[in-house]
Amino acid sequence: MKLQAKQYCSDDSNYGKYCETQIERHAKKKGKRRQIEHYQKCADVLGRFVEARSQMVCLGTRNNHERDVFTRELSSKQVKVFSLDIAPDSDADFVMDFNRFNGNWEGKWDIVFSNSIDHAIDATEVFEEWVKIVRCGGYLMLGFNVGDMDISGSDCNAFEDEQVVAFFRQREDVQLLTDVENGYKYYLLRRI
């Protein structure tokens, strides 16, 4: 079963073009920021589950706005938040592609947050990578623009709510805990 309902790239055979397209998109949207309330709603839910002094990474952050909001909103739990983006001029803590991680990242994070899974080459394959980088008992909070079926070289995947939920429920390595609606639909998962 696939996580995505539609996929733009059938494989990563033109990986260089994919990276170029994502970096170009970043340049066009670098200054854009979602409203703080968008992330506050996610942080409220995360705060009910995560342990104090957890380590969190925001994947595909564009700029450090997500990181900074989560740092403030989860400060009572002393969560250390990092950012990751593919674009060299993103000023992210980690400048790298989120489609693949090396072995040093396995089990590295207590929390993985992203609303950029639609930018993955293959959302199902990238989800497999993201699960690996979360420690057992850790959390993934993933946002989807469900129902938007437009795909392109920059928005490479489209999702339907029923398919996403069915995909998560059939898995043995994660448990679907809850969801949050705030323009996107965020699913909170615990790695088993």
Protein backbone atom coordinates (compact mmCIF):
# COMPACT_ATOMS: atom_id res chain seq x y z
CA MET A 1 0.00 0.00 0.00
CA LYS A 2 1.24 3.49 -0.88
CA LEU A 3 0.97 6.51 1.41
CA GLN A 4 0.36 8.88 -1.49
CA ALA A 5 -2.65 8.78 -3.81
CA LYS A 6 -0.72 10.38 -6.69
CA GLN A 7 2.99 10.69 -7.39
CA TYR A 8 4.82 12.93 -9.88
CA CYS A 9 8.16 11.09 -10.06
CA SER A 10 8.08 7.37 -10.73
CA ASP A 11 11.60 7.04 -9.31
CA ASP A 12 14.62 9.16 -8.48
CA SER A 13 16.41 8.59 -11.82
CA ASN A 14 16.56 12.35 -12.38
CA TYR A 15 17.65 13.16 -8.85
CA GLY A 16 19.69 16.21 -9.86
CA LYS A 17 16.65 17.86 -11.49
CA TYR A 18 14.57 17.06 -8.41
CA CYS A 19 17.08 18.79 -6.10
CA GLU A 20 17.33 21.79 -8.44
CA THR A 21 13.53 22.16 -8.52
CA GLN A 22 13.26 21.97 -4.72
CA ILE A 23 15.99 24.59 -4.25
CA GLU A 24 14.33 26.88 -6.81
CA ARG A 25 11.01 26.54 -4.98
CA HIS A 26 12.77 27.35 -1.72
CA ALA A 27 14.18 30.58 -3.23
CA LYS A 28 10.66 31.68 -4.21
CA LYS A 29 9.15 30.91 -0.80
CA LYS A 30 12.06 31.51 1.58
CA GLY A 31 10.49 34.53 3.28
CA LYS A 32 7.01 33.03 3.69
CA ARG A 33 5.91 31.97 7.15
CA ARG A 34 2.79 30.25 8.36
CA GLN A 35 0.92 31.95 11.15
CA ILE A 36 2.30 31.15 14.59
CA GLU A 37 -1.11 29.72 15.58
CA HIS A 38 -0.63 27.00 12.96
CA TYR A 39 2.37 25.62 14.84
CA GLN A 40 1.00 26.44 18.30
CA LYS A 41 -1.86 24.03 17.69
CA CYS A 42 0.64 21.28 16.78
CA ALA A 43 2.85 22.14 19.76
CA ASP A 44 -0.14 21.93 22.13
CA VAL A 45 -0.77 18.36 21.02
CA LEU A 46 2.91 17.40 21.05
CA GLY A 47 3.32 18.87 24.52
CA ARG A 48 0.84 16.34 25.91
CA PHE A 49 2.97 13.42 24.74
CA VAL A 50 6.67 14.29 24.58
CA GLU A 51 9.17 13.93 27.38
CA ALA A 52 11.22 16.77 28.83
CA ARG A 53 14.54 17.47 27.15
CA SER A 54 13.56 15.71 23.92
CA GLN A 55 15.38 16.41 20.66
CA MET A 56 13.23 17.41 17.69
CA VAL A 57 13.97 18.02 14.02
CA CYS A 58 11.73 19.93 11.60
CA LEU A 59 12.24 18.53 8.08
CA GLY A 60 11.90 20.77 5.02
CA THR A 61 11.63 23.94 7.08
CA ARG A 62 12.34 26.54 4.36
CA ASN A 63 13.46 28.99 7.04
CA ASN A 64 13.83 28.64 10.78
CA HIS A 65 10.34 29.89 11.63
CA GLU A 66 9.02 26.40 12.53
CA ARG A 67 12.07 25.67 14.65
CA ASP A 68 11.78 28.97 16.50
CA VAL A 69 8.04 28.65 17.18
CA PHE A 70 8.39 25.07 18.46
CA THR A 71 11.35 26.11 20.63
CA ARG A 72 9.17 28.77 22.31
CA GLU A 73 6.02 26.66 22.51
CA LEU A 74 7.78 23.59 23.94
CA SER A 75 10.12 25.54 26.24
CA SER A 76 8.38 24.26 29.38
CA LYS A 77 9.56 20.79 28.36
CA GLN A 78 13.00 22.07 27.35
CA VAL A 79 12.70 20.49 23.90
CA LYS A 80 15.77 21.21 21.74
CA VAL A 81 14.54 21.88 18.20
CA PHE A 82 16.64 21.74 15.01
CA SER A 83 15.83 22.61 11.39
CA LEU A 84 16.69 20.78 8.16
CA ASP A 85 16.29 21.94 4.56
CA ILE A 86 17.77 21.04 1.18
CA ALA A 87 18.52 24.66 0.20
CA PRO A 88 22.02 25.90 1.03
CA ASP A 89 20.73 29.43 1.76
CA SER A 90 18.04 28.24 4.18
CA ASP A 91 20.21 28.85 7.27
CA ALA A 92 18.90 25.50 8.53
CA ASP A 93 20.83 23.66 11.23
CA PHE A 94 21.23 20.78 8.77
CA VAL A 95 21.44 21.44 5.03
CA MET A 96 20.67 18.15 3.37
CA ASP A 97 18.06 16.17 1.47
CA PHE A 98 15.39 14.54 3.63
CA ASN A 99 14.80 11.69 1.16
CA ARG A 100 17.82 9.75 2.47
CA PHE A 101 19.71 9.69 5.74
CA ASN A 102 22.94 7.94 6.58
CA GLY A 103 23.23 5.37 9.35
CA ASN A 104 24.36 8.02 11.84
CA TRP A 105 20.79 9.32 11.88
CA GLU A 106 19.07 6.03 12.82
CA GLY A 107 17.23 6.48 16.11
CA LYS A 108 18.70 9.98 16.50
CA TRP A 109 15.51 11.96 17.18
CA ASP A 110 12.78 11.89 19.80
CA ILE A 111 10.46 13.90 17.54
CA VAL A 112 10.29 14.39 13.77
CA PHE A 113 8.00 17.14 12.48
CA SER A 114 7.24 17.94 8.85
CA ASN A 115 4.53 19.29 6.60
CA SER A 116 6.78 18.81 3.56
CA ILE A 117 6.24 15.13 2.79
CA ASP A 118 4.50 16.22 -0.40
CA HIS A 119 7.92 17.40 -1.63
CA ALA A 120 9.49 13.95 -1.30
CA ILE A 121 10.42 12.00 -4.41
CA ASP A 122 8.23 9.15 -3.14
CA ALA A 123 6.25 9.81 0.06
CA THR A 124 6.03 6.12 0.95
CA GLU A 125 9.78 5.62 0.66
CA VAL A 126 10.59 8.82 2.54
CA PHE A 127 8.24 7.82 5.33
CA GLU A 128 10.30 4.62 5.71
CA GLU A 129 13.42 6.79 6.07
CA TRP A 130 11.78 9.11 8.57
CA VAL A 131 10.60 6.23 10.77
CA LYS A 132 14.20 4.99 10.97
CA ILE A 133 15.51 8.30 12.34
CA VAL A 134 13.01 8.33 15.23
CA ARG A 135 13.99 6.40 18.35
CA CYS A 136 11.61 3.67 19.54
CA GLY A 137 8.94 5.38 21.64
CA GLY A 138 9.54 8.66 19.79
CA TYR A 139 7.05 10.64 17.74
CA LEU A 140 6.41 11.73 14.17
CA MET A 141 4.03 14.62 13.53
CA LEU A 142 3.36 14.81 9.81
CA GLY A 143 1.19 17.38 8.02
CA PHE A 144 -0.65 16.66 4.78
CA ASN A 145 -2.61 18.92 2.47
CA VAL A 146 -5.18 16.16 2.01
CA GLY A 147 -7.48 16.38 -0.96
CA ASP A 148 -5.21 18.66 -3.04
CA MET A 149 -4.53 16.41 -6.01
CA ASP A 150 -2.32 18.82 -7.97
CA ILE A 151 1.19 17.44 -8.39
CA SER A 152 4.30 18.87 -10.04
CA GLY A 153 8.08 18.73 -9.91
CA SER A 154 8.01 20.66 -6.63
CA ASP A 155 4.82 19.27 -5.05
CA CYS A 156 5.55 15.67 -5.95
CA ASN A 157 2.84 13.79 -4.02
CA ALA A 158 -0.88 14.15 -3.34
CA PHE A 159 -2.82 12.54 -0.50
CA GLU A 160 -6.32 11.46 0.47
CA ASP A 161 -7.22 11.28 4.14
CA GLU A 162 -8.68 7.76 4.04
CA GLN A 163 -5.59 6.37 2.31
CA VAL A 164 -3.20 8.08 4.74
CA VAL A 165 -5.10 6.74 7.77
CA ALA A 166 -5.30 3.23 6.28
CA PHE A 167 -1.57 3.31 5.52
CA PHE A 168 -0.70 4.25 9.11
CA ARG A 169 -3.12 1.73 10.66
CA GLN A 170 -1.77 -1.22 8.69
CA ARG A 171 1.78 -0.62 9.89
CA GLU A 172 3.34 -2.50 12.79
CA ASP A 173 6.15 0.01 13.47
CA VAL A 174 3.99 3.05 14.29
CA GLN A 175 0.83 3.76 16.25
CA LEU A 176 -1.54 6.51 15.11
CA LEU A 177 -2.34 8.53 18.24
CA THR A 178 -4.39 11.50 17.07
CA ASP A 179 -4.75 14.13 14.37
CA VAL A 180 -4.88 17.92 14.28
CA GLU A 181 -6.69 20.06 11.71
CA ASN A 182 -5.42 23.56 11.02
CA GLY A 183 -5.48 24.00 7.27
CA TYR A 184 -3.29 20.94 6.95
CA LYS A 185 -4.14 17.65 8.57
CA TYR A 186 -1.42 16.57 10.97
CA TYR A 187 -1.14 13.00 12.20
CA LEU A 188 0.73 12.22 15.40
CA LEU A 189 2.40 8.82 15.36
CA ARG A 190 4.46 6.97 17.96
CA ARG A 191 7.24 4.68 16.80
CA ILE A 192 6.84 1.24 18.32
